[in-house]
Amino acid sequence: VEQTFGLTDLNRVHEKLIETTAGFHLVMPLARRPEMRRELGDVS
């Protein structure tokens, strides 16, 4: 999460390997969505 959450270049392969104890990841960011807060009255 620490190595990938800040990626912003959507639909493009990240140029660096992401290494974790379980293995290696090659990632492509697909989408981001902003924080959301909708109260009960908004969606009742």
All heavy atoms as atom14 arrays in JSON, in Angstrom:
{
  "sequence": "VEQTFGLTDLNRVHEKLIETTAGFHLVMPLARRPEMRRELGDVS",
  "atom14_mask": [
    [1, 1, 1, 1, 1, 1, 1, 0, 0, 0, 0, 0, 0, 0],
    [1, 1, 1, 1, 1, 1, 1, 1, 1, 0, 0, 0, 0, 0],
    [1, 1, 1, 1, 1, 1, 1, 1, 1, 0, 0, 0, 0, 0],
    [1, 1, 1, 1, 1, 1, 1, 0, 0, 0, 0, 0, 0, 0],
    [1, 1, 1, 1, 1, 1, 1, 1, 1, 1, 1, 0, 0, 0],
    [1, 1, 1, 1, 0, 0, 0, 0, 0, 0, 0, 0, 0, 0],
    [1, 1, 1, 1, 1, 1, 1, 1, 0, 0, 0, 0, 0, 0],
    [1, 1, 1, 1, 1, 1, 1, 0, 0, 0, 0, 0, 0, 0],
    [1, 1, 1, 1, 1, 1, 1, 1, 0, 0, 0, 0, 0, 0],
    [1, 1, 1, 1, 1, 1, 1, 1, 0, 0, 0, 0, 0, 0],
    [1, 1, 1, 1, 1, 1, 1, 1, 0, 0, 0, 0, 0, 0],
    [1, 1, 1, 1, 1, 1, 1, 1, 1, 1, 1, 0, 0, 0],
    [1, 1, 1, 1, 1, 1, 1, 0, 0, 0, 0, 0, 0, 0],
    [1, 1, 1, 1, 1, 1, 1, 1, 1, 1, 0, 0, 0, 0],
    [1, 1, 1, 1, 1, 1, 1, 1, 1, 0, 0, 0, 0, 0],
    [1, 1, 1, 1, 1, 1, 1, 1, 1, 0, 0, 0, 0, 0],
    [1, 1, 1, 1, 1, 1, 1, 1, 0, 0, 0, 0, 0, 0],
    [1, 1, 1, 1, 1, 1, 1, 1, 0, 0, 0, 0, 0, 0],
    [1, 1, 1, 1, 1, 1, 1, 1, 1, 0, 0, 0, 0, 0],
    [1, 1, 1, 1, 1, 1, 1, 0, 0, 0, 0, 0, 0, 0],
    [1, 1, 1, 1, 1, 1, 1, 0, 0, 0, 0, 0, 0, 0],
    [1, 1, 1, 1, 1, 0, 0, 0, 0, 0, 0, 0, 0, 0],
    [1, 1, 1, 1, 0, 0, 0, 0, 0, 0, 0, 0, 0, 0],
    [1, 1, 1, 1, 1, 1, 1, 1, 1, 1, 1, 0, 0, 0],
    [1, 1, 1, 1, 1, 1, 1, 1, 1, 1, 0, 0, 0, 0],
    [1, 1, 1, 1, 1, 1, 1, 1, 0, 0, 0, 0, 0, 0],
    [1, 1, 1, 1, 1, 1, 1, 0, 0, 0, 0, 0, 0, 0],
    [1, 1, 1, 1, 1, 1, 1, 1, 0, 0, 0, 0, 0, 0],
    [1, 1, 1, 1, 1, 1, 1, 0, 0, 0, 0, 0, 0, 0],
    [1, 1, 1, 1, 1, 1, 1, 1, 0, 0, 0, 0, 0, 0],
    [1, 1, 1, 1, 1, 0, 0, 0, 0, 0, 0, 0, 0, 0],
    [1, 1, 1, 1, 1, 1, 1, 1, 1, 1, 1, 0, 0, 0],
    [1, 1, 1, 1, 1, 1, 1, 1, 1, 1, 1, 0, 0, 0],
    [1, 1, 1, 1, 1, 1, 1, 0, 0, 0, 0, 0, 0, 0],
    [1, 1, 1, 1, 1, 1, 1, 1, 1, 0, 0, 0, 0, 0],
    [1, 1, 1, 1, 1, 1, 1, 1, 0, 0, 0, 0, 0, 0],
    [1, 1, 1, 1, 1, 1, 1, 1, 1, 1, 1, 0, 0, 0],
    [1, 1, 1, 1, 1, 1, 1, 1, 1, 1, 1, 0, 0, 0],
    [1, 1, 1, 1, 1, 1, 1, 1, 1, 0, 0, 0, 0, 0],
    [1, 1, 1, 1, 1, 1, 1, 1, 0, 0, 0, 0, 0, 0],
    [1, 1, 1, 1, 0, 0, 0, 0, 0, 0, 0, 0, 0, 0],
    [1, 1, 1, 1, 1, 1, 1, 1, 0, 0, 0, 0, 0, 0],
    [1, 1, 1, 1, 1, 1, 1, 0, 0, 0, 0, 0, 0, 0],
    [1, 1, 1, 1, 1, 1, 0, 0, 0, 0, 0, 0, 0, 0]
  ],
  "atom14_positions": [
    [[0.84, -1.21, 0.0], [0.0, 0.0, 0.0], [0.87, 1.25, 0.0], [0.62, 2.2, -0.75], [-0.95, -0.01, 1.2], [-1.72, 1.3, 1.29], [-1.9, -1.19, 1.12], [0.0, 0.0, 0.0], [0.0, 0.0, 0.0], [0.0, 0.0, 0.0], [0.0, 0.0, 0.0], [0.0, 0.0, 0.0], [0.0, 0.0, 0.0], [0.0, 0.0, 0.0]],
    [[1.91, 1.26, 0.83], [2.79, 2.42, 0.95], [3.44, 2.77, -0.39], [3.6, 3.94, -0.73], [3.84, 2.16, 2.01], [4.77, 3.34, 2.26], [5.79, 3.05, 3.35], [5.67, 2.01, 4.04], [6.72, 3.86, 3.5], [0.0, 0.0, 0.0], [0.0, 0.0, 0.0], [0.0, 0.0, 0.0], [0.0, 0.0, 0.0], [0.0, 0.0, 0.0]],
    [[3.79, 1.74, -1.16], [4.51, 1.97, -2.42], [3.57, 2.28, -3.59], [4.04, 2.76, -4.63], [5.34, 0.73, -2.78], [6.44, 0.41, -1.79], [7.2, -0.85, -2.2], [7.99, -0.84, -3.16], [6.97, -1.94, -1.46], [0.0, 0.0, 0.0], [0.0, 0.0, 0.0], [0.0, 0.0, 0.0], [0.0, 0.0, 0.0], [0.0, 0.0, 0.0]],
    [[2.29, 2.01, -3.45], [1.38, 2.16, -4.59], [0.3, 3.21, -4.41], [-0.23, 3.72, -5.4], [0.67, 0.82, -4.9], [-0.1, 0.41, -3.74], [1.66, -0.26, -5.26], [0.0, 0.0, 0.0], [0.0, 0.0, 0.0], [0.0, 0.0, 0.0], [0.0, 0.0, 0.0], [0.0, 0.0, 0.0], [0.0, 0.0, 0.0], [0.0, 0.0, 0.0]],
    [[-0.03, 3.58, -3.16], [-1.21, 4.42, -2.97], [-1.04, 5.81, -3.59], [-2.02, 6.43, -4.02], [-1.53, 4.57, -1.48], [-2.89, 5.14, -1.23], [-4.03, 4.35, -1.33], [-3.05, 6.48, -0.92], [-5.28, 4.88, -1.12], [-4.31, 7.02, -0.7], [-5.43, 6.21, -0.81], [0.0, 0.0, 0.0], [0.0, 0.0, 0.0], [0.0, 0.0, 0.0]],
    [[0.18, 6.28, -3.69], [0.39, 7.62, -4.24], [0.46, 7.68, -5.76], [0.64, 8.77, -6.32], [0.0, 0.0, 0.0], [0.0, 0.0, 0.0], [0.0, 0.0, 0.0], [0.0, 0.0, 0.0], [0.0, 0.0, 0.0], [0.0, 0.0, 0.0], [0.0, 0.0, 0.0], [0.0, 0.0, 0.0], [0.0, 0.0, 0.0], [0.0, 0.0, 0.0]],
    [[0.35, 6.54, -6.44], [0.44, 6.54, -7.9], [-0.75, 7.27, -8.52], [-1.9, 7.05, -8.13], [0.51, 5.1, -8.44], [1.7, 4.26, -7.96], [1.62, 2.86, -8.51], [3.02, 4.93, -8.36], [0.0, 0.0, 0.0], [0.0, 0.0, 0.0], [0.0, 0.0, 0.0], [0.0, 0.0, 0.0], [0.0, 0.0, 0.0], [0.0, 0.0, 0.0]],
    [[-0.47, 8.12, -9.49], [-1.53, 8.94, -10.1], [-1.62, 8.79, -11.61], [-2.58, 9.28, -12.2], [-1.31, 10.42, -9.77], [0.0, 10.82, -10.24], [-1.39, 10.66, -8.27], [0.0, 0.0, 0.0], [0.0, 0.0, 0.0], [0.0, 0.0, 0.0], [0.0, 0.0, 0.0], [0.0, 0.0, 0.0], [0.0, 0.0, 0.0], [0.0, 0.0, 0.0]],
    [[-0.65, 8.13, -12.23], [-0.62, 8.02, -13.69], [-1.51, 6.85, -14.11], [-1.06, 5.71, -14.24], [0.82, 7.81, -14.16], [1.0, 8.18, -15.63], [-0.01, 8.55, -16.26], [2.13, 8.08, -16.12], [0.0, 0.0, 0.0], [0.0, 0.0, 0.0], [0.0, 0.0, 0.0], [0.0, 0.0, 0.0], [0.0, 0.0, 0.0], [0.0, 0.0, 0.0]],
    [[-2.79, 7.14, -14.34], [-3.76, 6.08, -14.59], [-3.57, 5.43, -15.95], [-3.19, 6.07, -16.94], [-5.19, 6.65, -14.5], [-5.59, 7.28, -13.16], [-7.04, 7.72, -13.2], [-5.33, 6.33, -12.0], [0.0, 0.0, 0.0], [0.0, 0.0, 0.0], [0.0, 0.0, 0.0], [0.0, 0.0, 0.0], [0.0, 0.0, 0.0], [0.0, 0.0, 0.0]],
    [[-3.83, 4.13, -15.99], [-3.79, 3.32, -17.21], [-2.4, 3.29, -17.85], [-2.28, 3.13, -19.07], [-4.84, 3.8, -18.23], [-6.26, 3.61, -17.72], [-6.57, 2.57, -17.14], [-7.1, 4.61, -17.92], [0.0, 0.0, 0.0], [0.0, 0.0, 0.0], [0.0, 0.0, 0.0], [0.0, 0.0, 0.0], [0.0, 0.0, 0.0], [0.0, 0.0, 0.0]],
    [[-1.4, 3.44, -17.04], [-0.01, 3.33, -17.51], [0.74, 2.43, -16.54], [0.61, 2.54, -15.31], [0.67, 4.7, -17.62], [0.04, 5.61, -18.67], [0.71, 6.97, -18.68], [2.08, 6.9, -19.13], [2.44, 6.96, -20.41], [1.55, 7.08, -21.36], [3.72, 6.91, -20.73], [0.0, 0.0, 0.0], [0.0, 0.0, 0.0], [0.0, 0.0, 0.0]],
    [[1.57, 1.55, -17.09], [2.33, 0.62, -16.25], [3.35, 1.38, -15.42], [4.1, 2.21, -15.94], [3.05, -0.43, -17.13], [3.82, -1.41, -16.25], [2.05, -1.17, -18.02], [0.0, 0.0, 0.0], [0.0, 0.0, 0.0], [0.0, 0.0, 0.0], [0.0, 0.0, 0.0], [0.0, 0.0, 0.0], [0.0, 0.0, 0.0], [0.0, 0.0, 0.0]],
    [[3.33, 1.14, -14.12], [4.34, 1.76, -13.25], [5.71, 1.17, -13.58], [5.87, -0.04, -13.75], [3.99, 1.49, -11.79], [4.91, 2.12, -10.82], [5.24, 3.45, -10.85], [5.6, 1.59, -9.75], [6.06, 3.74, -9.87], [6.3, 2.62, -9.18], [0.0, 0.0, 0.0], [0.0, 0.0, 0.0], [0.0, 0.0, 0.0], [0.0, 0.0, 0.0]],
    [[6.72, 2.02, -13.68], [8.01, 1.61, -14.22], [8.88, 0.85, -13.23], [9.94, 0.34, -13.6], [8.77, 2.84, -14.73], [8.06, 3.53, -15.89], [8.82, 4.76, -16.38], [9.8, 5.15, -15.7], [8.46, 5.31, -17.42], [0.0, 0.0, 0.0], [0.0, 0.0, 0.0], [0.0, 0.0, 0.0], [0.0, 0.0, 0.0], [0.0, 0.0, 0.0]],
    [[8.47, 0.75, -11.99], [9.3, 0.07, -10.99], [8.56, -1.13, -10.41], [7.34, -1.13, -10.29], [9.67, 1.04, -9.86], [10.53, 2.21, -10.3], [10.87, 3.1, -9.11], [11.76, 4.27, -9.53], [12.11, 5.15, -8.38], [0.0, 0.0, 0.0], [0.0, 0.0, 0.0], [0.0, 0.0, 0.0], [0.0, 0.0, 0.0], [0.0, 0.0, 0.0]],
    [[9.34, -2.14, -10.05], [8.77, -3.29, -9.35], [8.38, -2.88, -7.94], [9.05, -2.09, -7.3], [9.79, -4.42, -9.27], [10.1, -5.22, -10.54], [11.17, -6.26, -10.24], [8.85, -5.89, -11.09], [0.0, 0.0, 0.0], [0.0, 0.0, 0.0], [0.0, 0.0, 0.0], [0.0, 0.0, 0.0], [0.0, 0.0, 0.0], [0.0, 0.0, 0.0]],
    [[7.28, -3.46, -7.46], [6.86, -3.29, -6.07], [7.22, -4.59, -5.36], [6.7, -5.66, -5.68], [5.35, -3.03, -5.97], [4.95, -1.84, -6.85], [4.95, -2.82, -4.53], [5.61, -0.54, -6.48], [0.0, 0.0, 0.0], [0.0, 0.0, 0.0], [0.0, 0.0, 0.0], [0.0, 0.0, 0.0], [0.0, 0.0, 0.0], [0.0, 0.0, 0.0]],
    [[8.13, -4.5, -4.4], [8.59, -5.71, -3.71], [7.97, -5.8, -2.31], [7.97, -4.84, -1.55], [10.12, -5.7, -3.59], [10.66, -6.98, -2.95], [12.19, -7.03, -2.96], [12.82, -6.09, -3.5], [12.74, -8.03, -2.44], [0.0, 0.0, 0.0], [0.0, 0.0, 0.0], [0.0, 0.0, 0.0], [0.0, 0.0, 0.0], [0.0, 0.0, 0.0]],
    [[7.46, -7.01, -2.0], [6.95, -7.31, -0.66], [7.51, -8.66, -0.24], [8.16, -9.35, -1.04], [5.4, -7.38, -0.66], [4.97, -8.49, -1.45], [4.78, -6.1, -1.2], [0.0, 0.0, 0.0], [0.0, 0.0, 0.0], [0.0, 0.0, 0.0], [0.0, 0.0, 0.0], [0.0, 0.0, 0.0], [0.0, 0.0, 0.0], [0.0, 0.0, 0.0]],
    [[7.26, -9.04, 0.98], [7.78, -10.34, 1.45], [7.17, -11.49, 0.66], [7.8, -12.55, 0.51], [7.45, -10.52, 2.94], [6.05, -10.37, 3.14], [8.2, -9.5, 3.79], [0.0, 0.0, 0.0], [0.0, 0.0, 0.0], [0.0, 0.0, 0.0], [0.0, 0.0, 0.0], [0.0, 0.0, 0.0], [0.0, 0.0, 0.0], [0.0, 0.0, 0.0]],
    [[5.94, -11.3, 0.14], [5.27, -12.39, -0.59], [5.73, -12.5, -2.03], [5.53, -13.55, -2.66], [3.75, -12.17, -0.56], [0.0, 0.0, 0.0], [0.0, 0.0, 0.0], [0.0, 0.0, 0.0], [0.0, 0.0, 0.0], [0.0, 0.0, 0.0], [0.0, 0.0, 0.0], [0.0, 0.0, 0.0], [0.0, 0.0, 0.0], [0.0, 0.0, 0.0]],
    [[6.35, -11.46, -2.57], [6.78, -11.53, -3.95], [6.92, -10.16, -4.58], [7.1, -9.14, -3.88], [0.0, 0.0, 0.0], [0.0, 0.0, 0.0], [0.0, 0.0, 0.0], [0.0, 0.0, 0.0], [0.0, 0.0, 0.0], [0.0, 0.0, 0.0], [0.0, 0.0, 0.0], [0.0, 0.0, 0.0], [0.0, 0.0, 0.0], [0.0, 0.0, 0.0]],
    [[6.82, -10.12, -5.9], [7.0, -8.89, -6.67], [5.7, -8.56, -7.41], [4.99, -9.44, -7.89], [8.15, -9.04, -7.66], [9.47, -9.33, -7.0], [9.9, -10.64, -6.8], [10.29, -8.3, -6.55], [11.1, -10.92, -6.18], [11.5, -8.57, -5.93], [11.91, -9.89, -5.75], [0.0, 0.0, 0.0], [0.0, 0.0, 0.0], [0.0, 0.0, 0.0]],
    [[5.42, -7.25, -7.5], [4.2, -6.78, -8.15], [4.55, -5.82, -9.27], [5.4, -4.95, -9.11], [3.29, -6.06, -7.15], [2.86, -6.92, -6.01], [1.64, -7.55, -5.97], [3.48, -7.24, -4.84], [1.51, -8.22, -4.83], [2.64, -8.06, -4.13], [0.0, 0.0, 0.0], [0.0, 0.0, 0.0], [0.0, 0.0, 0.0], [0.0, 0.0, 0.0]],
    [[3.88, -6.0, -10.42], [3.94, -5.05, -11.52], [2.53, -4.46, -11.61], [1.56, -5.19, -11.82], [4.28, -5.71, -12.85], [5.68, -6.34, -13.02], [5.85, -7.57, -12.14], [5.88, -6.72, -14.48], [0.0, 0.0, 0.0], [0.0, 0.0, 0.0], [0.0, 0.0, 0.0], [0.0, 0.0, 0.0], [0.0, 0.0, 0.0], [0.0, 0.0, 0.0]],
    [[2.41, -3.16, -11.42], [1.08, -2.59, -11.25], [0.78, -1.53, -12.3], [1.67, -0.87, -12.83], [0.9, -1.98, -9.85], [1.11, -3.05, -8.78], [1.84, -0.81, -9.63], [0.0, 0.0, 0.0], [0.0, 0.0, 0.0], [0.0, 0.0, 0.0], [0.0, 0.0, 0.0], [0.0, 0.0, 0.0], [0.0, 0.0, 0.0], [0.0, 0.0, 0.0]],
    [[-0.52, -1.4, -12.57], [-1.04, -0.32, -13.4], [-2.22, 0.31, -12.66], [-3.22, -0.36, -12.41], [-1.52, -0.84, -14.77], [-2.26, 0.23, -15.59], [-2.98, -0.42, -17.12], [-1.51, -0.48, -18.13], [0.0, 0.0, 0.0], [0.0, 0.0, 0.0], [0.0, 0.0, 0.0], [0.0, 0.0, 0.0], [0.0, 0.0, 0.0], [0.0, 0.0, 0.0]],
    [[-2.12, 1.57, -12.26], [-3.27, 2.23, -11.62], [-4.44, 2.34, -12.59], [-4.28, 2.78, -13.74], [-2.73, 3.62, -11.27], [-1.23, 3.46, -11.24], [-0.93, 2.44, -12.3], [0.0, 0.0, 0.0], [0.0, 0.0, 0.0], [0.0, 0.0, 0.0], [0.0, 0.0, 0.0], [0.0, 0.0, 0.0], [0.0, 0.0, 0.0], [0.0, 0.0, 0.0]],
    [[-5.6, 1.9, -12.15], [-6.78, 1.92, -13.0], [-7.71, 3.09, -12.69], [-8.33, 3.65, -13.59], [-7.57, 0.61, -12.84], [-6.83, -0.67, -13.22], [-7.72, -1.88, -12.97], [-6.4, -0.62, -14.69], [0.0, 0.0, 0.0], [0.0, 0.0, 0.0], [0.0, 0.0, 0.0], [0.0, 0.0, 0.0], [0.0, 0.0, 0.0], [0.0, 0.0, 0.0]],
    [[-7.84, 3.42, -11.41], [-8.77, 4.5, -11.04], [-8.48, 4.98, -9.63], [-7.92, 4.24, -8.82], [-10.21, 4.01, -11.15], [0.0, 0.0, 0.0], [0.0, 0.0, 0.0], [0.0, 0.0, 0.0], [0.0, 0.0, 0.0], [0.0, 0.0, 0.0], [0.0, 0.0, 0.0], [0.0, 0.0, 0.0], [0.0, 0.0, 0.0], [0.0, 0.0, 0.0]],
    [[-8.87, 6.22, -9.36], [-8.85, 6.77, -8.01], [-10.21, 7.38, -7.75], [-10.88, 7.86, -8.67], [-7.78, 7.85, -7.86], [-6.36, 7.39, -8.04], [-5.39, 8.5, -7.65], [-5.37, 8.69, -6.19], [-4.51, 8.05, -5.38], [-3.59, 7.23, -5.88], [-4.54, 8.26, -4.08], [0.0, 0.0, 0.0], [0.0, 0.0, 0.0], [0.0, 0.0, 0.0]],
    [[-10.63, 7.34, -6.51], [-11.85, 8.05, -6.18], [-11.65, 8.78, -4.86], [-11.02, 8.27, -3.93], [-13.06, 7.15, -6.13], [-13.0, 5.94, -5.25], [-14.2, 5.04, -5.53], [-14.28, 3.9, -4.63], [-15.14, 2.89, -4.77], [-15.99, 2.9, -5.79], [-15.15, 1.89, -3.92], [0.0, 0.0, 0.0], [0.0, 0.0, 0.0], [0.0, 0.0, 0.0]],
    [[-12.18, 10.01, -4.78], [-11.92, 10.86, -3.62], [-12.71, 10.4, -2.4], [-13.61, 9.55, -2.47], [-12.41, 12.23, -4.09], [-13.48, 11.92, -5.09], [-13.02, 10.68, -5.8], [0.0, 0.0, 0.0], [0.0, 0.0, 0.0], [0.0, 0.0, 0.0], [0.0, 0.0, 0.0], [0.0, 0.0, 0.0], [0.0, 0.0, 0.0], [0.0, 0.0, 0.0]],
    [[-12.38, 10.99, -1.28], [-13.11, 10.72, -0.05], [-14.58, 11.09, -0.23], [-14.93, 12.05, -0.92], [-12.5, 11.55, 1.1], [-13.21, 11.37, 2.42], [-12.63, 12.26, 3.49], [-11.74, 13.08, 3.18], [-13.07, 12.16, 4.65], [0.0, 0.0, 0.0], [0.0, 0.0, 0.0], [0.0, 0.0, 0.0], [0.0, 0.0, 0.0], [0.0, 0.0, 0.0]],
    [[-15.45, 10.32, 0.39], [-16.88, 10.57, 0.28], [-17.52, 10.49, 1.66], [-17.17, 9.63, 2.47], [-17.53, 9.53, -0.64], [-19.05, 9.71, -0.79], [-19.8, 8.44, -1.84], [-19.61, 6.99, -0.78], [0.0, 0.0, 0.0], [0.0, 0.0, 0.0], [0.0, 0.0, 0.0], [0.0, 0.0, 0.0], [0.0, 0.0, 0.0], [0.0, 0.0, 0.0]],
    [[-18.45, 11.4, 1.91], [-19.22, 11.37, 3.16], [-20.64, 11.86, 2.86], [-20.87, 13.03, 2.59], [-18.57, 12.25, 4.22], [-19.33, 12.25, 5.55], [-18.53, 12.96, 6.62], [-17.31, 12.22, 6.94], [-17.27, 11.19, 7.8], [-18.38, 10.78, 8.41], [-16.13, 10.59, 8.05], [0.0, 0.0, 0.0], [0.0, 0.0, 0.0], [0.0, 0.0, 0.0]],
    [[-21.58, 10.93, 2.9], [-22.99, 11.25, 2.66], [-23.78, 10.86, 3.9], [-23.81, 9.7, 4.31], [-23.51, 10.5, 1.43], [-22.71, 10.78, 0.17], [-23.2, 9.94, -1.0], [-24.52, 10.35, -1.44], [-25.23, 9.69, -2.35], [-24.74, 8.58, -2.88], [-26.43, 10.12, -2.7], [0.0, 0.0, 0.0], [0.0, 0.0, 0.0], [0.0, 0.0, 0.0]],
    [[-24.44, 11.84, 4.49], [-25.2, 11.6, 5.72], [-26.53, 10.91, 5.4], [-26.98, 10.87, 4.25], [-25.44, 12.92, 6.45], [-24.18, 13.69, 6.8], [-23.28, 12.92, 7.76], [-23.79, 12.03, 8.47], [-22.06, 13.21, 7.78], [0.0, 0.0, 0.0], [0.0, 0.0, 0.0], [0.0, 0.0, 0.0], [0.0, 0.0, 0.0], [0.0, 0.0, 0.0]],
    [[-27.15, 10.41, 6.46], [-28.41, 9.68, 6.29], [-29.46, 10.52, 5.57], [-30.17, 10.03, 4.69], [-28.94, 9.23, 7.65], [-30.31, 8.54, 7.66], [-30.29, 7.29, 6.8], [-30.74, 8.2, 9.09], [0.0, 0.0, 0.0], [0.0, 0.0, 0.0], [0.0, 0.0, 0.0], [0.0, 0.0, 0.0], [0.0, 0.0, 0.0], [0.0, 0.0, 0.0]],
    [[-29.55, 11.79, 5.94], [-30.55, 12.65, 5.3], [-30.34, 12.81, 3.81], [-31.29, 13.06, 3.06], [0.0, 0.0, 0.0], [0.0, 0.0, 0.0], [0.0, 0.0, 0.0], [0.0, 0.0, 0.0], [0.0, 0.0, 0.0], [0.0, 0.0, 0.0], [0.0, 0.0, 0.0], [0.0, 0.0, 0.0], [0.0, 0.0, 0.0], [0.0, 0.0, 0.0]],
    [[-29.09, 12.65, 3.36], [-28.79, 12.8, 1.92], [-29.25, 11.6, 1.11], [-29.46, 11.72, -0.11], [-27.29, 13.01, 1.72], [-26.77, 14.23, 2.46], [-27.53, 15.22, 2.57], [-25.61, 14.2, 2.92], [0.0, 0.0, 0.0], [0.0, 0.0, 0.0], [0.0, 0.0, 0.0], [0.0, 0.0, 0.0], [0.0, 0.0, 0.0], [0.0, 0.0, 0.0]],
    [[-29.36, 10.45, 1.75], [-29.61, 9.21, 1.0], [-30.87, 8.49, 1.47], [-31.14, 7.37, 1.04], [-28.4, 8.25, 1.12], [-27.17, 8.87, 0.48], [-28.13, 7.89, 2.58], [0.0, 0.0, 0.0], [0.0, 0.0, 0.0], [0.0, 0.0, 0.0], [0.0, 0.0, 0.0], [0.0, 0.0, 0.0], [0.0, 0.0, 0.0], [0.0, 0.0, 0.0]],
    [[-31.67, 9.12, 2.33], [-32.82, 8.43, 2.91], [-33.82, 7.97, 1.84], [-34.39, 6.88, 1.95], [-33.52, 9.33, 3.93], [-33.93, 10.55, 3.33], [0.0, 0.0, 0.0], [0.0, 0.0, 0.0], [0.0, 0.0, 0.0], [0.0, 0.0, 0.0], [0.0, 0.0, 0.0], [0.0, 0.0, 0.0], [0.0, 0.0, 0.0], [0.0, 0.0, 0.0]]
  ]
}
